[in-house]
N, C-alpha and C. Protein backbone atom coordinates (compact mmCIF):
# COMPACT_ATOMS: atom_id res chain seq x y z
N MET A 1 34.03 -17.19 -16.28
CA MET A 1 33.00 -16.16 -16.38
C MET A 1 32.08 -16.49 -17.56
N ILE A 2 30.80 -16.39 -17.33
CA ILE A 2 29.82 -16.65 -18.38
C ILE A 2 29.53 -15.35 -19.10
N LYS A 3 29.70 -15.36 -20.40
CA LYS A 3 29.48 -14.14 -21.17
C LYS A 3 28.07 -14.05 -21.73
N ARG A 4 27.47 -15.19 -22.02
CA ARG A 4 26.13 -15.19 -22.59
C ARG A 4 25.39 -16.43 -22.13
N LEU A 5 24.18 -16.25 -21.66
CA LEU A 5 23.34 -17.36 -21.24
C LEU A 5 22.73 -17.99 -22.48
N LYS A 6 23.11 -19.22 -22.78
CA LYS A 6 22.63 -19.90 -23.98
C LYS A 6 21.31 -20.60 -23.71
N ASN A 7 20.33 -20.37 -24.56
CA ASN A 7 19.02 -21.02 -24.48
C ASN A 7 18.43 -21.01 -23.07
N PRO A 8 18.19 -19.82 -22.52
CA PRO A 8 17.63 -19.76 -21.16
C PRO A 8 16.27 -20.45 -21.10
N LEU A 9 15.93 -20.94 -19.92
CA LEU A 9 14.66 -21.63 -19.73
C LEU A 9 13.48 -20.66 -19.66
N TYR A 10 13.77 -19.38 -19.46
CA TYR A 10 12.73 -18.37 -19.37
C TYR A 10 13.00 -17.25 -20.36
N PRO A 11 11.95 -16.71 -21.01
CA PRO A 11 12.16 -15.62 -21.96
C PRO A 11 12.53 -14.30 -21.27
N PHE A 12 12.06 -14.11 -20.04
CA PHE A 12 12.35 -12.89 -19.28
C PHE A 12 12.96 -13.30 -17.95
N ILE A 13 14.19 -12.88 -17.72
CA ILE A 13 14.92 -13.31 -16.53
C ILE A 13 14.89 -12.22 -15.46
N GLY A 14 14.67 -12.65 -14.23
CA GLY A 14 14.66 -11.75 -13.09
C GLY A 14 15.95 -11.88 -12.30
N PRO A 15 15.86 -12.30 -11.03
CA PRO A 15 17.06 -12.39 -10.19
C PRO A 15 18.07 -13.40 -10.72
N ILE A 16 19.35 -13.01 -10.66
CA ILE A 16 20.47 -13.88 -11.06
C ILE A 16 21.51 -13.80 -9.95
N VAL A 17 22.09 -14.96 -9.61
CA VAL A 17 23.16 -14.98 -8.61
C VAL A 17 24.21 -16.01 -9.04
N GLU A 18 25.46 -15.66 -8.82
CA GLU A 18 26.57 -16.55 -9.19
C GLU A 18 26.73 -17.66 -8.16
N ASP A 19 26.93 -18.88 -8.64
CA ASP A 19 27.22 -20.00 -7.77
C ASP A 19 28.69 -19.91 -7.35
N PRO A 20 29.02 -20.17 -6.08
CA PRO A 20 30.41 -20.01 -5.65
C PRO A 20 31.38 -20.99 -6.30
N LYS A 21 30.89 -22.11 -6.81
CA LYS A 21 31.77 -23.09 -7.45
C LYS A 21 31.82 -22.94 -8.96
N LYS A 22 30.65 -22.80 -9.57
CA LYS A 22 30.59 -22.70 -11.03
C LYS A 22 29.16 -22.36 -11.44
N GLY A 23 29.00 -21.56 -12.46
CA GLY A 23 27.69 -21.30 -13.03
C GLY A 23 26.90 -20.20 -12.35
N ILE A 24 25.63 -20.11 -12.75
CA ILE A 24 24.72 -19.12 -12.19
C ILE A 24 23.36 -19.77 -11.91
N TRP A 25 22.67 -19.22 -10.95
CA TRP A 25 21.27 -19.57 -10.65
C TRP A 25 20.43 -18.40 -11.11
N TYR A 26 19.24 -18.69 -11.65
CA TYR A 26 18.37 -17.59 -12.06
C TYR A 26 16.91 -17.99 -12.00
N LEU A 27 16.08 -16.97 -11.93
CA LEU A 27 14.62 -17.12 -11.89
C LEU A 27 14.02 -16.25 -12.98
N PRO A 28 12.76 -16.51 -13.34
CA PRO A 28 12.12 -15.61 -14.29
C PRO A 28 11.77 -14.29 -13.61
N ASP A 29 11.44 -13.30 -14.41
CA ASP A 29 10.93 -12.08 -13.79
C ASP A 29 9.61 -12.41 -13.11
N GLU A 30 9.17 -11.57 -12.22
CA GLU A 30 8.00 -11.92 -11.40
C GLU A 30 6.69 -12.02 -12.16
N ASP A 31 6.63 -11.56 -13.39
CA ASP A 31 5.40 -11.67 -14.18
C ASP A 31 5.38 -12.88 -15.11
N THR A 32 6.45 -13.66 -15.12
CA THR A 32 6.53 -14.86 -15.95
C THR A 32 6.24 -16.08 -15.10
N ALA A 33 5.43 -17.02 -15.61
CA ALA A 33 5.13 -18.24 -14.87
C ALA A 33 6.42 -18.99 -14.56
N CYS A 34 6.59 -19.36 -13.32
CA CYS A 34 7.83 -19.99 -12.87
C CYS A 34 7.68 -21.51 -12.85
N LYS A 35 8.58 -22.20 -13.55
CA LYS A 35 8.60 -23.66 -13.55
C LYS A 35 9.58 -24.21 -12.52
N GLY A 36 10.36 -23.32 -11.91
CA GLY A 36 11.34 -23.74 -10.92
C GLY A 36 12.59 -22.89 -11.01
N LEU A 37 13.54 -23.20 -10.17
CA LEU A 37 14.82 -22.51 -10.12
C LEU A 37 15.71 -23.04 -11.24
N ALA A 38 16.30 -22.15 -12.03
CA ALA A 38 17.15 -22.56 -13.15
C ALA A 38 18.62 -22.42 -12.79
N TYR A 39 19.43 -23.35 -13.30
CA TYR A 39 20.88 -23.33 -13.10
C TYR A 39 21.55 -23.46 -14.47
N PHE A 40 22.54 -22.62 -14.72
CA PHE A 40 23.30 -22.68 -15.97
C PHE A 40 24.77 -22.83 -15.62
N ASP A 41 25.39 -23.92 -16.10
CA ASP A 41 26.79 -24.21 -15.76
C ASP A 41 27.79 -23.73 -16.80
N GLY A 42 27.33 -22.98 -17.77
CA GLY A 42 28.19 -22.51 -18.85
C GLY A 42 27.96 -23.27 -20.14
N GLN A 43 27.31 -24.43 -20.03
CA GLN A 43 27.00 -25.26 -21.19
C GLN A 43 25.51 -25.58 -21.30
N THR A 44 24.91 -26.02 -20.19
CA THR A 44 23.52 -26.45 -20.22
C THR A 44 22.72 -25.82 -19.07
N ASN A 45 21.41 -25.79 -19.26
CA ASN A 45 20.47 -25.32 -18.25
C ASN A 45 19.84 -26.52 -17.56
N LYS A 46 19.60 -26.41 -16.25
CA LYS A 46 18.90 -27.43 -15.49
C LYS A 46 17.83 -26.73 -14.67
N LEU A 47 16.75 -27.46 -14.39
CA LEU A 47 15.64 -26.90 -13.64
C LEU A 47 15.46 -27.66 -12.33
N PHE A 48 15.33 -26.93 -11.23
CA PHE A 48 15.11 -27.52 -9.91
C PHE A 48 13.78 -27.00 -9.37
N ASN A 49 12.93 -27.91 -8.93
CA ASN A 49 11.62 -27.53 -8.40
C ASN A 49 11.53 -27.83 -6.92
N PRO A 50 10.85 -26.97 -6.17
CA PRO A 50 10.58 -27.32 -4.77
C PRO A 50 9.73 -28.58 -4.76
N PRO A 51 9.98 -29.50 -3.83
CA PRO A 51 9.27 -30.78 -3.85
C PRO A 51 7.78 -30.70 -3.57
N HIS A 52 7.32 -29.63 -2.94
CA HIS A 52 5.93 -29.58 -2.51
C HIS A 52 5.13 -28.41 -3.08
N ALA A 53 5.72 -27.60 -3.93
CA ALA A 53 5.00 -26.42 -4.41
C ALA A 53 5.58 -25.89 -5.71
N VAL A 54 4.81 -25.04 -6.34
CA VAL A 54 5.28 -24.29 -7.49
C VAL A 54 5.75 -22.93 -6.98
N LEU A 55 6.85 -22.43 -7.49
CA LEU A 55 7.33 -21.12 -7.06
C LEU A 55 6.45 -20.04 -7.68
N GLU A 56 5.56 -19.48 -6.88
CA GLU A 56 4.67 -18.44 -7.38
C GLU A 56 5.24 -17.07 -7.05
N LYS A 57 5.41 -16.26 -8.07
CA LYS A 57 5.92 -14.89 -7.93
C LYS A 57 7.26 -14.84 -7.19
N PRO A 58 8.31 -15.51 -7.72
CA PRO A 58 9.61 -15.41 -7.06
C PRO A 58 10.11 -13.98 -7.12
N SER A 59 10.73 -13.52 -6.04
CA SER A 59 11.14 -12.12 -5.98
C SER A 59 12.61 -11.90 -5.66
N SER A 60 13.25 -12.89 -5.03
CA SER A 60 14.66 -12.70 -4.66
C SER A 60 15.39 -14.02 -4.68
N LEU A 61 16.72 -13.91 -4.77
CA LEU A 61 17.56 -15.09 -4.90
C LEU A 61 18.91 -14.79 -4.24
N ALA A 62 19.43 -15.76 -3.48
CA ALA A 62 20.73 -15.59 -2.82
C ALA A 62 21.39 -16.94 -2.61
N VAL A 63 22.72 -16.94 -2.49
CA VAL A 63 23.48 -18.14 -2.17
C VAL A 63 24.24 -17.85 -0.88
N ASP A 64 24.13 -18.76 0.11
CA ASP A 64 24.83 -18.53 1.38
C ASP A 64 26.25 -19.10 1.34
N GLY A 65 26.97 -19.00 2.45
CA GLY A 65 28.36 -19.42 2.52
C GLY A 65 28.59 -20.90 2.31
N GLN A 66 27.56 -21.72 2.54
CA GLN A 66 27.66 -23.16 2.32
C GLN A 66 27.25 -23.56 0.91
N GLY A 67 26.84 -22.59 0.09
CA GLY A 67 26.43 -22.89 -1.28
C GLY A 67 24.96 -23.23 -1.42
N ASN A 68 24.17 -23.10 -0.35
CA ASN A 68 22.73 -23.33 -0.43
C ASN A 68 22.08 -22.14 -1.13
N VAL A 69 21.06 -22.42 -1.91
CA VAL A 69 20.37 -21.37 -2.66
C VAL A 69 19.05 -21.05 -1.94
N TRP A 70 18.81 -19.76 -1.72
CA TRP A 70 17.59 -19.29 -1.06
C TRP A 70 16.75 -18.52 -2.07
N ILE A 71 15.44 -18.85 -2.10
CA ILE A 71 14.51 -18.22 -3.03
C ILE A 71 13.38 -17.59 -2.23
N GLY A 72 13.20 -16.30 -2.40
CA GLY A 72 12.10 -15.60 -1.75
C GLY A 72 10.96 -15.41 -2.73
N THR A 73 9.73 -15.54 -2.24
CA THR A 73 8.56 -15.33 -3.08
C THR A 73 7.67 -14.27 -2.45
N TRP A 74 6.82 -13.66 -3.27
CA TRP A 74 5.90 -12.64 -2.77
C TRP A 74 4.84 -13.24 -1.86
N PHE A 75 4.35 -14.45 -2.16
CA PHE A 75 3.18 -14.97 -1.45
C PHE A 75 3.42 -16.25 -0.67
N ASN A 76 4.45 -17.02 -1.02
CA ASN A 76 4.63 -18.34 -0.41
C ASN A 76 5.89 -18.48 0.42
N GLY A 77 6.44 -17.38 0.89
CA GLY A 77 7.56 -17.45 1.80
C GLY A 77 8.91 -17.71 1.16
N LEU A 78 9.77 -18.38 1.92
CA LEU A 78 11.15 -18.59 1.57
C LEU A 78 11.43 -20.08 1.36
N TYR A 79 12.18 -20.40 0.32
CA TYR A 79 12.56 -21.78 0.02
C TYR A 79 14.08 -21.89 0.06
N LYS A 80 14.56 -23.08 0.43
CA LYS A 80 16.00 -23.34 0.47
C LYS A 80 16.30 -24.59 -0.36
N LEU A 81 17.26 -24.47 -1.27
CA LEU A 81 17.75 -25.61 -2.03
C LEU A 81 19.13 -25.93 -1.49
N GLU A 82 19.29 -27.12 -0.87
CA GLU A 82 20.57 -27.48 -0.27
C GLU A 82 21.55 -27.96 -1.32
N ARG A 83 22.78 -27.48 -1.22
CA ARG A 83 23.81 -27.81 -2.21
C ARG A 83 24.01 -29.32 -2.33
N LYS A 84 24.15 -30.00 -1.20
CA LYS A 84 24.49 -31.44 -1.25
C LYS A 84 23.39 -32.30 -1.83
N THR A 85 22.16 -32.06 -1.45
CA THR A 85 21.05 -32.92 -1.88
C THR A 85 20.32 -32.39 -3.10
N ARG A 86 20.50 -31.10 -3.39
CA ARG A 86 19.76 -30.42 -4.47
C ARG A 86 18.26 -30.52 -4.25
N LYS A 87 17.85 -30.56 -2.97
CA LYS A 87 16.43 -30.58 -2.61
C LYS A 87 16.15 -29.47 -1.63
């Protein structure tokens, strides 16, 4: 269990979801410029970006049964980050 997010990549955090294996995924609040999907494994933060776009106004976050991460945005639809490829 993570008790405190150390050195988050965003000053204001919005949606947070637990990864089924380890860590958490999180996004900034919708008014903060988004550089990508953030992952915290309990020690370090990593940033994942969609290959073809910037996440504008992210609004929701979920992890499915296969461990894929889904990101909903207000204006640019839905994105999927696949667990195996991290793309």
